[in-house]
Amino acid sequence: MAGPTRAPDVKLSTYAIGIPAALVAAVVAVANRQSVLVSLDPFSQTAPALALQMPLFILLFLAVGAGILLGWMASAITRRRK
């Protein structure tokens, strides 16, 4: 019979990095609410074939998320080869 399960311990460094990062993300989101046009068509600036209208903070968060994901994938591939 198993005893009661314990929640995993969260290190202080997780809070020390996570809380300020969340606060910075909130400030960036509030400061960059204006809408921008993201054009994925390098040939036509006046009538792009593919363009997205979105708030700037979403674009920033997507770029940071893509960088984190690519870095994680590169690290995983490197570790797997060894």
PDB file of N, CA and C in Angstrom:
ATOM      1  N   MET A   1       0.850  -1.163   0.000  1.00  0.00           N
ATOM      2  CA  MET A   1       0.000   0.000   0.000  1.00  0.00           C
ATOM      3  C   MET A   1       0.903   1.235   0.000  1.00  0.00           C
ATOM      4  N   ALA A   2       0.656   2.109  -0.904  1.00  0.00           N
ATOM      5  CA  ALA A   2       1.478   3.316  -1.027  1.00  0.00           C
ATOM      6  C   ALA A   2       0.972   4.386  -0.072  1.00  0.00           C
ATOM      7  N   GLY A   3       1.926   5.164   0.425  1.00  0.00           N
ATOM      8  CA  GLY A   3       1.584   6.261   1.319  1.00  0.00           C
ATOM      9  C   GLY A   3       1.093   7.466   0.525  1.00  0.00           C
ATOM     10  N   PRO A   4       0.815   8.549   1.220  1.00  0.00           N
ATOM     11  CA  PRO A   4       0.351   9.750   0.523  1.00  0.00           C
ATOM     12  C   PRO A   4       1.447  10.295  -0.393  1.00  0.00           C
ATOM     13  N   THR A   5       1.034  10.776  -1.545  1.00  0.00           N
ATOM     14  CA  THR A   5       2.013  11.318  -2.494  1.00  0.00           C
ATOM     15  C   THR A   5       2.349  12.750  -2.118  1.00  0.00           C
ATOM     16  N   ARG A   6       3.620  13.088  -2.299  1.00  0.00           N
ATOM     17  CA  ARG A   6       4.094  14.430  -1.987  1.00  0.00           C
ATOM     18  C   ARG A   6       4.297  15.206  -3.271  1.00  0.00           C
ATOM     19  N   ALA A   7       3.978  16.467  -3.214  1.00  0.00           N
ATOM     20  CA  ALA A   7       4.242  17.323  -4.373  1.00  0.00           C
ATOM     21  C   ALA A   7       5.752  17.475  -4.519  1.00  0.00           C
ATOM     22  N   PRO A   8       6.258  17.540  -5.740  1.00  0.00           N
ATOM     23  CA  PRO A   8       7.706  17.703  -5.920  1.00  0.00           C
ATOM     24  C   PRO A   8       8.172  19.042  -5.361  1.00  0.00           C
ATOM     25  N   ASP A   9       9.356  19.023  -4.781  1.00  0.00           N
ATOM     26  CA  ASP A   9       9.910  20.251  -4.222  1.00  0.00           C
ATOM     27  C   ASP A   9      10.316  21.187  -5.348  1.00  0.00           C
ATOM     28  N   VAL A  10       9.978  22.444  -5.182  1.00  0.00           N
ATOM     29  CA  VAL A  10      10.357  23.465  -6.152  1.00  0.00           C
ATOM     30  C   VAL A  10      11.517  24.246  -5.553  1.00  0.00           C
ATOM     31  N   LYS A  11      12.594  24.327  -6.328  1.00  0.00           N
ATOM     32  CA  LYS A  11      13.783  25.008  -5.828  1.00  0.00           C
ATOM     33  C   LYS A  11      13.545  26.513  -5.757  1.00  0.00           C
ATOM     34  N   LEU A  12      14.232  27.149  -4.847  1.00  0.00           N
ATOM     35  CA  LEU A  12      14.145  28.594  -4.693  1.00  0.00           C
ATOM     36  C   LEU A  12      14.582  29.310  -5.966  1.00  0.00           C
ATOM     37  N   SER A  13      15.548  28.735  -6.684  1.00  0.00           N
ATOM     38  CA  SER A  13      16.020  29.371  -7.920  1.00  0.00           C
ATOM     39  C   SER A  13      14.916  29.430  -8.972  1.00  0.00           C
ATOM     40  N   THR A  14      13.995  28.474  -8.938  1.00  0.00           N
ATOM     41  CA  THR A  14      12.867  28.498  -9.874  1.00  0.00           C
ATOM     42  C   THR A  14      12.013  29.734  -9.630  1.00  0.00           C
ATOM     43  N   TYR A  15      11.747  30.025  -8.373  1.00  0.00           N
ATOM     44  CA  TYR A  15      10.983  31.225  -8.042  1.00  0.00           C
ATOM     45  C   TYR A  15      11.799  32.492  -8.296  1.00  0.00           C
ATOM     46  N   ALA A  16      13.090  32.441  -7.995  1.00  0.00           N
ATOM     47  CA  ALA A  16      13.944  33.618  -8.159  1.00  0.00           C
ATOM     48  C   ALA A  16      14.078  34.028  -9.619  1.00  0.00           C
ATOM     49  N   ILE A  17      13.969  33.079 -10.532  1.00  0.00           N
ATOM     50  CA  ILE A  17      14.052  33.386 -11.962  1.00  0.00           C
ATOM     51  C   ILE A  17      12.652  33.514 -12.557  1.00  0.00           C
ATOM     52  N   GLY A  18      11.744  32.660 -12.170  1.00  0.00           N
ATOM     53  CA  GLY A  18      10.415  32.616 -12.766  1.00  0.00           C
ATOM     54  C   GLY A  18       9.543  33.820 -12.485  1.00  0.00           C
ATOM     55  N   ILE A  19       9.523  34.281 -11.252  1.00  0.00           N
ATOM     56  CA  ILE A  19       8.661  35.415 -10.900  1.00  0.00           C
ATOM     57  C   ILE A  19       9.121  36.702 -11.584  1.00  0.00           C
ATOM     58  N   PRO A  20      10.417  37.068 -11.538  1.00  0.00           N
ATOM     59  CA  PRO A  20      10.832  38.270 -12.285  1.00  0.00           C
ATOM     60  C   PRO A  20      10.624  38.131 -13.789  1.00  0.00           C
ATOM     61  N   ALA A  21      10.828  36.940 -14.337  1.00  0.00           N
ATOM     62  CA  ALA A  21      10.604  36.741 -15.773  1.00  0.00           C
ATOM     63  C   ALA A  21       9.135  36.942 -16.122  1.00  0.00           C
ATOM     64  N   ALA A  22       8.240  36.459 -15.284  1.00  0.00           N
ATOM     65  CA  ALA A  22       6.808  36.651 -15.519  1.00  0.00           C
ATOM     66  C   ALA A  22       6.434  38.132 -15.414  1.00  0.00           C
ATOM     67  N   LEU A  23       7.034  38.840 -14.466  1.00  0.00           N
ATOM     68  CA  LEU A  23       6.758  40.274 -14.331  1.00  0.00           C
ATOM     69  C   LEU A  23       7.264  41.052 -15.541  1.00  0.00           C
ATOM     70  N   VAL A  24       8.459  40.714 -16.021  1.00  0.00           N
ATOM     71  CA  VAL A  24       8.998  41.370 -17.219  1.00  0.00           C
ATOM     72  C   VAL A  24       8.107  41.076 -18.418  1.00  0.00           C
ATOM     73  N   ALA A  25       7.648  39.841 -18.558  1.00  0.00           N
ATOM     74  CA  ALA A  25       6.764  39.474 -19.663  1.00  0.00           C
ATOM     75  C   ALA A  25       5.458  40.264 -19.597  1.00  0.00           C
ATOM     76  N   ALA A  26       4.921  40.454 -18.405  1.00  0.00           N
ATOM     77  CA  ALA A  26       3.686  41.228 -18.254  1.00  0.00           C
ATOM     78  C   ALA A  26       3.898  42.690 -18.632  1.00  0.00           C
ATOM     79  N   VAL A  27       5.024  43.257 -18.224  1.00  0.00           N
ATOM     80  CA  VAL A  27       5.329  44.651 -18.570  1.00  0.00           C
ATOM     81  C   VAL A  27       5.506  44.801 -20.075  1.00  0.00           C
ATOM     82  N   VAL A  28       6.206  43.859 -20.707  1.00  0.00           N
ATOM     83  CA  VAL A  28       6.395  43.894 -22.168  1.00  0.00           C
ATOM     84  C   VAL A  28       5.045  43.791 -22.872  1.00  0.00           C
ATOM     85  N   ALA A  29       4.177  42.928 -22.382  1.00  0.00           N
ATOM     86  CA  ALA A  29       2.863  42.761 -23.004  1.00  0.00           C
ATOM     87  C   ALA A  29       2.034  44.036 -22.908  1.00  0.00           C
ATOM     88  N   VAL A  30       2.058  44.694 -21.760  1.00  0.00           N
ATOM     89  CA  VAL A  30       1.282  45.923 -21.587  1.00  0.00           C
ATOM     90  C   VAL A  30       1.870  47.056 -22.418  1.00  0.00           C
ATOM     91  N   ALA A  31       3.184  47.127 -22.502  1.00  0.00           N
ATOM     92  CA  ALA A  31       3.837  48.224 -23.223  1.00  0.00           C
ATOM     93  C   ALA A  31       3.753  48.058 -24.740  1.00  0.00           C
ATOM     94  N   ASN A  32       3.521  46.850 -25.241  1.00  0.00           N
ATOM     95  CA  ASN A  32       3.532  46.587 -26.683  1.00  0.00           C
ATOM     96  C   ASN A  32       2.197  46.014 -27.166  1.00  0.00           C
ATOM     97  N   ARG A  33       1.130  46.707 -26.835  1.00  0.00           N
ATOM     98  CA  ARG A  33      -0.201  46.242 -27.228  1.00  0.00           C
ATOM     99  C   ARG A  33      -0.599  46.665 -28.628  1.00  0.00           C
ATOM    100  N   GLN A  34       0.152  47.594 -29.248  1.00  0.00           N
ATOM    101  CA  GLN A  34      -0.241  48.067 -30.573  1.00  0.00           C
ATOM    102  C   GLN A  34      -0.179  46.933 -31.590  1.00  0.00           C
ATOM    103  N   SER A  35      -1.020  47.044 -32.580  1.00  0.00           N
ATOM    104  CA  SER A  35      -1.116  46.013 -33.605  1.00  0.00           C
ATOM    105  C   SER A  35      -0.096  46.274 -34.707  1.00  0.00           C
ATOM    106  N   VAL A  36       0.524  45.199 -35.184  1.00  0.00           N
ATOM    107  CA  VAL A  36       1.500  45.304 -36.267  1.00  0.00           C
ATOM    108  C   VAL A  36       1.104  44.336 -37.376  1.00  0.00           C
ATOM    109  N   LEU A  37       1.545  44.649 -38.595  1.00  0.00           N
ATOM    110  CA  LEU A  37       1.310  43.782 -39.736  1.00  0.00           C
ATOM    111  C   LEU A  37       2.598  43.017 -39.999  1.00  0.00           C
ATOM    112  N   VAL A  38       2.534  41.700 -39.881  1.00  0.00           N
ATOM    113  CA  VAL A  38       3.685  40.840 -40.135  1.00  0.00           C
ATOM    114  C   VAL A  38       3.506  40.251 -41.534  1.00  0.00           C
ATOM    115  N   SER A  39       4.367  40.657 -42.449  1.00  0.00           N
ATOM    116  CA  SER A  39       4.282  40.201 -43.830  1.00  0.00           C
ATOM    117  C   SER A  39       5.291  39.086 -44.059  1.00  0.00           C
ATOM    118  N   LEU A  40       4.811  37.990 -44.608  1.00  0.00           N
ATOM    119  CA  LEU A  40       5.675  36.853 -44.909  1.00  0.00           C
ATOM    120  C   LEU A  40       5.934  36.734 -46.411  1.00  0.00           C
ATOM    121  N   ASP A  41       5.677  37.818 -47.125  1.00  0.00           N
ATOM    122  CA  ASP A  41       5.895  37.864 -48.568  1.00  0.00           C
ATOM    123  C   ASP A  41       7.043  38.834 -48.857  1.00  0.00           C
ATOM    124  N   PRO A  42       8.220  38.327 -49.237  1.00  0.00           N
ATOM    125  CA  PRO A  42       9.364  39.220 -49.436  1.00  0.00           C
ATOM    126  C   PRO A  42       9.307  40.011 -50.741  1.00  0.00           C
ATOM    127  N   PHE A  43       8.363  39.712 -51.633  1.00  0.00           N
ATOM    128  CA  PHE A  43       8.337  40.335 -52.949  1.00  0.00           C
ATOM    129  C   PHE A  43       7.373  41.506 -53.065  1.00  0.00           C
ATOM    130  N   SER A  44       6.311  41.516 -52.279  1.00  0.00           N
ATOM    131  CA  SER A  44       5.314  42.574 -52.395  1.00  0.00           C
ATOM    132  C   SER A  44       5.064  43.218 -51.038  1.00  0.00           C
ATOM    133  N   GLN A  45       5.421  44.493 -50.914  1.00  0.00           N
ATOM    134  CA  GLN A  45       5.167  45.202 -49.662  1.00  0.00           C
ATOM    135  C   GLN A  45       3.782  45.831 -49.647  1.00  0.00           C
ATOM    136  N   THR A  46       3.248  46.154 -50.810  1.00  0.00           N
ATOM    137  CA  THR A  46       1.948  46.824 -50.861  1.00  0.00           C
ATOM    138  C   THR A  46       0.786  45.847 -50.731  1.00  0.00           C
ATOM    139  N   ALA A  47       0.886  44.673 -51.351  1.00  0.00           N
ATOM    140  CA  ALA A  47      -0.182  43.671 -51.287  1.00  0.00           C
ATOM    141  C   ALA A  47       0.433  42.293 -51.044  1.00  0.00           C
ATOM    142  N   PRO A  48       0.858  42.032 -49.815  1.00  0.00           N
ATOM    143  CA  PRO A  48       1.506  40.737 -49.550  1.00  0.00           C
ATOM    144  C   PRO A  48       0.527  39.570 -49.671  1.00  0.00           C
ATOM    145  N   ALA A  49       1.047  38.458 -50.169  1.00  0.00           N
ATOM    146  CA  ALA A  49       0.225  37.259 -50.321  1.00  0.00           C
ATOM    147  C   ALA A  49      -0.139  36.662 -48.965  1.00  0.00           C
ATOM    148  N   LEU A  50       0.777  36.764 -48.000  1.00  0.00           N
ATOM    149  CA  LEU A  50       0.528  36.220 -46.673  1.00  0.00           C
ATOM    150  C   LEU A  50       0.961  37.248 -45.637  1.00  0.00           C
ATOM    151  N   ALA A  51      -0.002  37.777 -44.925  1.00  0.00           N
ATOM    152  CA  ALA A  51       0.278  38.773 -43.889  1.00  0.00           C
ATOM    153  C   ALA A  51      -0.626  38.518 -42.692  1.00  0.00           C
ATOM    154  N   LEU A  52      -0.094  38.765 -41.521  1.00  0.00           N
ATOM    155  CA  LEU A  52      -0.843  38.558 -40.284  1.00  0.00           C
ATOM    156  C   LEU A  52      -0.885  39.860 -39.492  1.00  0.00           C
ATOM    157  N   GLN A  53      -2.043  40.204 -38.985  1.00  0.00           N
ATOM    158  CA  GLN A  53      -2.198  41.365 -38.112  1.00  0.00           C
ATOM    159  C   GLN A  53      -2.278  40.837 -36.683  1.00  0.00           C
ATOM    160  N   MET A  54      -1.353  41.274 -35.823  1.00  0.00           N
ATOM    161  CA  MET A  54      -1.339  40.784 -34.444  1.00  0.00           C
ATOM    162  C   MET A  54      -0.708  41.825 -33.534  1.00  0.00           C
ATOM    163  N   PRO A  55      -0.996  41.748 -32.233  1.00  0.00           N
ATOM    164  CA  PRO A  55      -0.315  42.640 -31.293  1.00  0.00           C
ATOM    165  C   PRO A  55       1.185  42.327 -31.255  1.00  0.00           C
ATOM    166  N   LEU A  56       1.980  43.356 -31.050  1.00  0.00           N
ATOM    167  CA  LEU A  56       3.432  43.198 -31.072  1.00  0.00           C
ATOM    168  C   LEU A  56       3.921  42.241 -29.993  1.00  0.00           C
ATOM    169  N   PHE A  57       3.300  42.254 -28.814  1.00  0.00           N
ATOM    170  CA  PHE A  57       3.775  41.378 -27.741  1.00  0.00           C
ATOM    171  C   PHE A  57       3.611  39.909 -28.102  1.00  0.00           C
ATOM    172  N   ILE A  58       2.572  39.566 -28.874  1.00  0.00           N
ATOM    173  CA  ILE A  58       2.402  38.171 -29.293  1.00  0.00           C
ATOM    174  C   ILE A  58       3.535  37.776 -30.235  1.00  0.00           C
ATOM    175  N   LEU A  59       3.878  38.677 -31.145  1.00  0.00           N
ATOM    176  CA  LEU A  59       4.994  38.413 -32.055  1.00  0.00           C
ATOM    177  C   LEU A  59       6.298  38.223 -31.277  1.00  0.00           C
ATOM    178  N   LEU A  60       6.531  39.071 -30.280  1.00  0.00           N
ATOM    179  CA  LEU A  60       7.743  38.945 -29.455  1.00  0.00           C
ATOM    180  C   LEU A  60       7.765  37.619 -28.702  1.00  0.00           C
ATOM    181  N   PHE A  61       6.634  37.245 -28.091  1.00  0.00           N
ATOM    182  CA  PHE A  61       6.577  35.997 -27.335  1.00  0.00           C
ATOM    183  C   PHE A  61       6.734  34.786 -28.245  1.00  0.00           C
ATOM    184  N   LEU A  62       6.165  34.848 -29.455  1.00  0.00           N
ATOM    185  CA  LEU A  62       6.340  33.744 -30.410  1.00  0.00           C
ATOM    186  C   LEU A  62       7.803  33.607 -30.828  1.00  0.00           C
ATOM    187  N   ALA A  63       8.472  34.730 -31.034  1.00  0.00           N
ATOM    188  CA  ALA A  63       9.885  34.691 -31.422  1.00  0.00           C
ATOM    189  C   ALA A  63      10.741  34.106 -30.299  1.00  0.00           C
ATOM    190  N   VAL A  64      10.486  34.521 -29.071  1.00  0.00           N
ATOM    191  CA  VAL A  64      11.240  33.987 -27.928  1.00  0.00           C
ATOM    192  C   VAL A  64      10.946  32.498 -27.759  1.00  0.00           C
ATOM    193  N   GLY A  65       9.685  32.111 -27.882  1.00  0.00           N
ATOM    194  CA  GLY A  65       9.311  30.706 -27.765  1.00  0.00           C
ATOM    195  C   GLY A  65       9.961  29.852 -28.846  1.00  0.00           C
ATOM    196  N   ALA A  66      10.008  30.372 -30.076  1.00  0.00           N
ATOM    197  CA  ALA A  66      10.659  29.636 -31.159  1.00  0.00           C
ATOM    198  C   ALA A  66      12.154  29.481 -30.878  1.00  0.00           C
ATOM    199  N   GLY A  67      12.784  30.509 -30.334  1.00  0.00           N
ATOM    200  CA  GLY A  67      14.199  30.425 -29.985  1.00  0.00           C
ATOM    201  C   GLY A  67      14.459  29.403 -28.894  1.00  0.00           C
ATOM    202  N   ILE A  68      13.605  29.377 -27.902  1.00  0.00           N
ATOM    203  CA  ILE A  68      13.741  28.394 -26.824  1.00  0.00           C
ATOM    204  C   ILE A  68      13.560  26.982 -27.375  1.00  0.00           C
ATOM    205  N   LEU A  69      12.550  26.793 -28.217  1.00  0.00           N
ATOM    206  CA  LEU A  69      12.290  25.478 -28.792  1.00  0.00           C
ATOM    207  C   LEU A  69      13.449  25.018 -29.673  1.00  0.00           C
ATOM    208  N   LEU A  70      13.968  25.900 -30.521  1.00  0.00           N
ATOM    209  CA  LEU A  70      15.099  25.529 -31.374  1.00  0.00           C
ATOM    210  C   LEU A  70      16.352  25.228 -30.550  1.00  0.00           C
ATOM    211  N   GLY A  71      16.596  25.998 -29.504  1.00  0.00           N
ATOM    212  CA  GLY A  71      17.738  25.730 -28.638  1.00  0.00           C
ATOM    213  C   GLY A  71      17.614  24.398 -27.918  1.00  0.00           C
ATOM    214  N   TRP A  72      16.406  24.095 -27.458  1.00  0.00           N
ATOM    215  CA  TRP A  72      16.176  22.815 -26.797  1.00  0.00           C
ATOM    216  C   TRP A  72      16.393  21.664 -27.768  1.00  0.00           C
ATOM    217  N   MET A  73      15.890  21.819 -28.996  1.00  0.00           N
ATOM    218  CA  MET A  73      16.059  20.758 -29.996  1.00  0.00           C
ATOM    219  C   MET A  73      17.533  20.557 -30.343  1.00  0.00           C
ATOM    220  N   ALA A  74      18.276  21.634 -30.516  1.00  0.00           N
ATOM    221  CA  ALA A  74      19.701  21.522 -30.823  1.00  0.00           C
ATOM    222  C   ALA A  74      20.445  20.843 -29.679  1.00  0.00           C
ATOM    223  N   SER A  75      20.090  21.187 -28.451  1.00  0.00           N
ATOM    224  CA  SER A  75      20.722  20.567 -27.291  1.00  0.00           C
ATOM    225  C   SER A  75      20.380  19.074 -27.213  1.00  0.00           C
ATOM    226  N   ALA A  76      19.130  18.737 -27.481  1.00  0.00           N
ATOM    227  CA  ALA A  76      18.711  17.329 -27.433  1.00  0.00           C
ATOM    228  C   ALA A  76      19.416  16.514 -28.513  1.00  0.00           C
ATOM    229  N   ILE A  77      19.552  17.081 -29.702  1.00  0.00           N
ATOM    230  CA  ILE A  77      20.233  16.370 -30.784  1.00  0.00           C
ATOM    231  C   ILE A  77      21.703  16.158 -30.430  1.00  0.00           C
ATOM    232  N   THR A  78      22.347  17.182 -29.864  1.00  0.00           N
ATOM    233  CA  THR A  78      23.748  17.074 -29.483  1.00  0.00           C
ATOM    234  C   THR A  78      23.944  16.017 -28.399  1.00  0.00           C
ATOM    235  N   ARG A  79      23.069  16.002 -27.404  1.00  0.00           N
ATOM    236  CA  ARG A  79      23.172  15.004 -26.331  1.00  0.00           C
ATOM    237  C   ARG A  79      22.922  13.601 -26.844  1.00  0.00           C
ATOM    238  N   ARG A  80      22.049  13.463 -27.816  1.00  0.00           N
ATOM    239  CA  ARG A  80      21.699  12.138 -28.333  1.00  0.00           C
ATOM    240  C   ARG A  80      22.856  11.519 -29.124  1.00  0.00           C
ATOM    241  N   ARG A  81      23.644  12.351 -29.774  1.00  0.00           N
ATOM    242  CA  ARG A  81      24.751  11.845 -30.594  1.00  0.00           C
ATOM    243  C   ARG A  81      25.909  11.323 -29.756  1.00  0.00           C
ATOM    244  N   LYS A  82      26.015  11.768 -28.536  1.00  0.00           N
ATOM    245  CA  LYS A  82      27.157  11.357 -27.706  1.00  0.00           C
ATOM    246  C   LYS A  82      26.973   9.978 -27.130  1.00  0.00           C
TER     247      LYS A  82
END
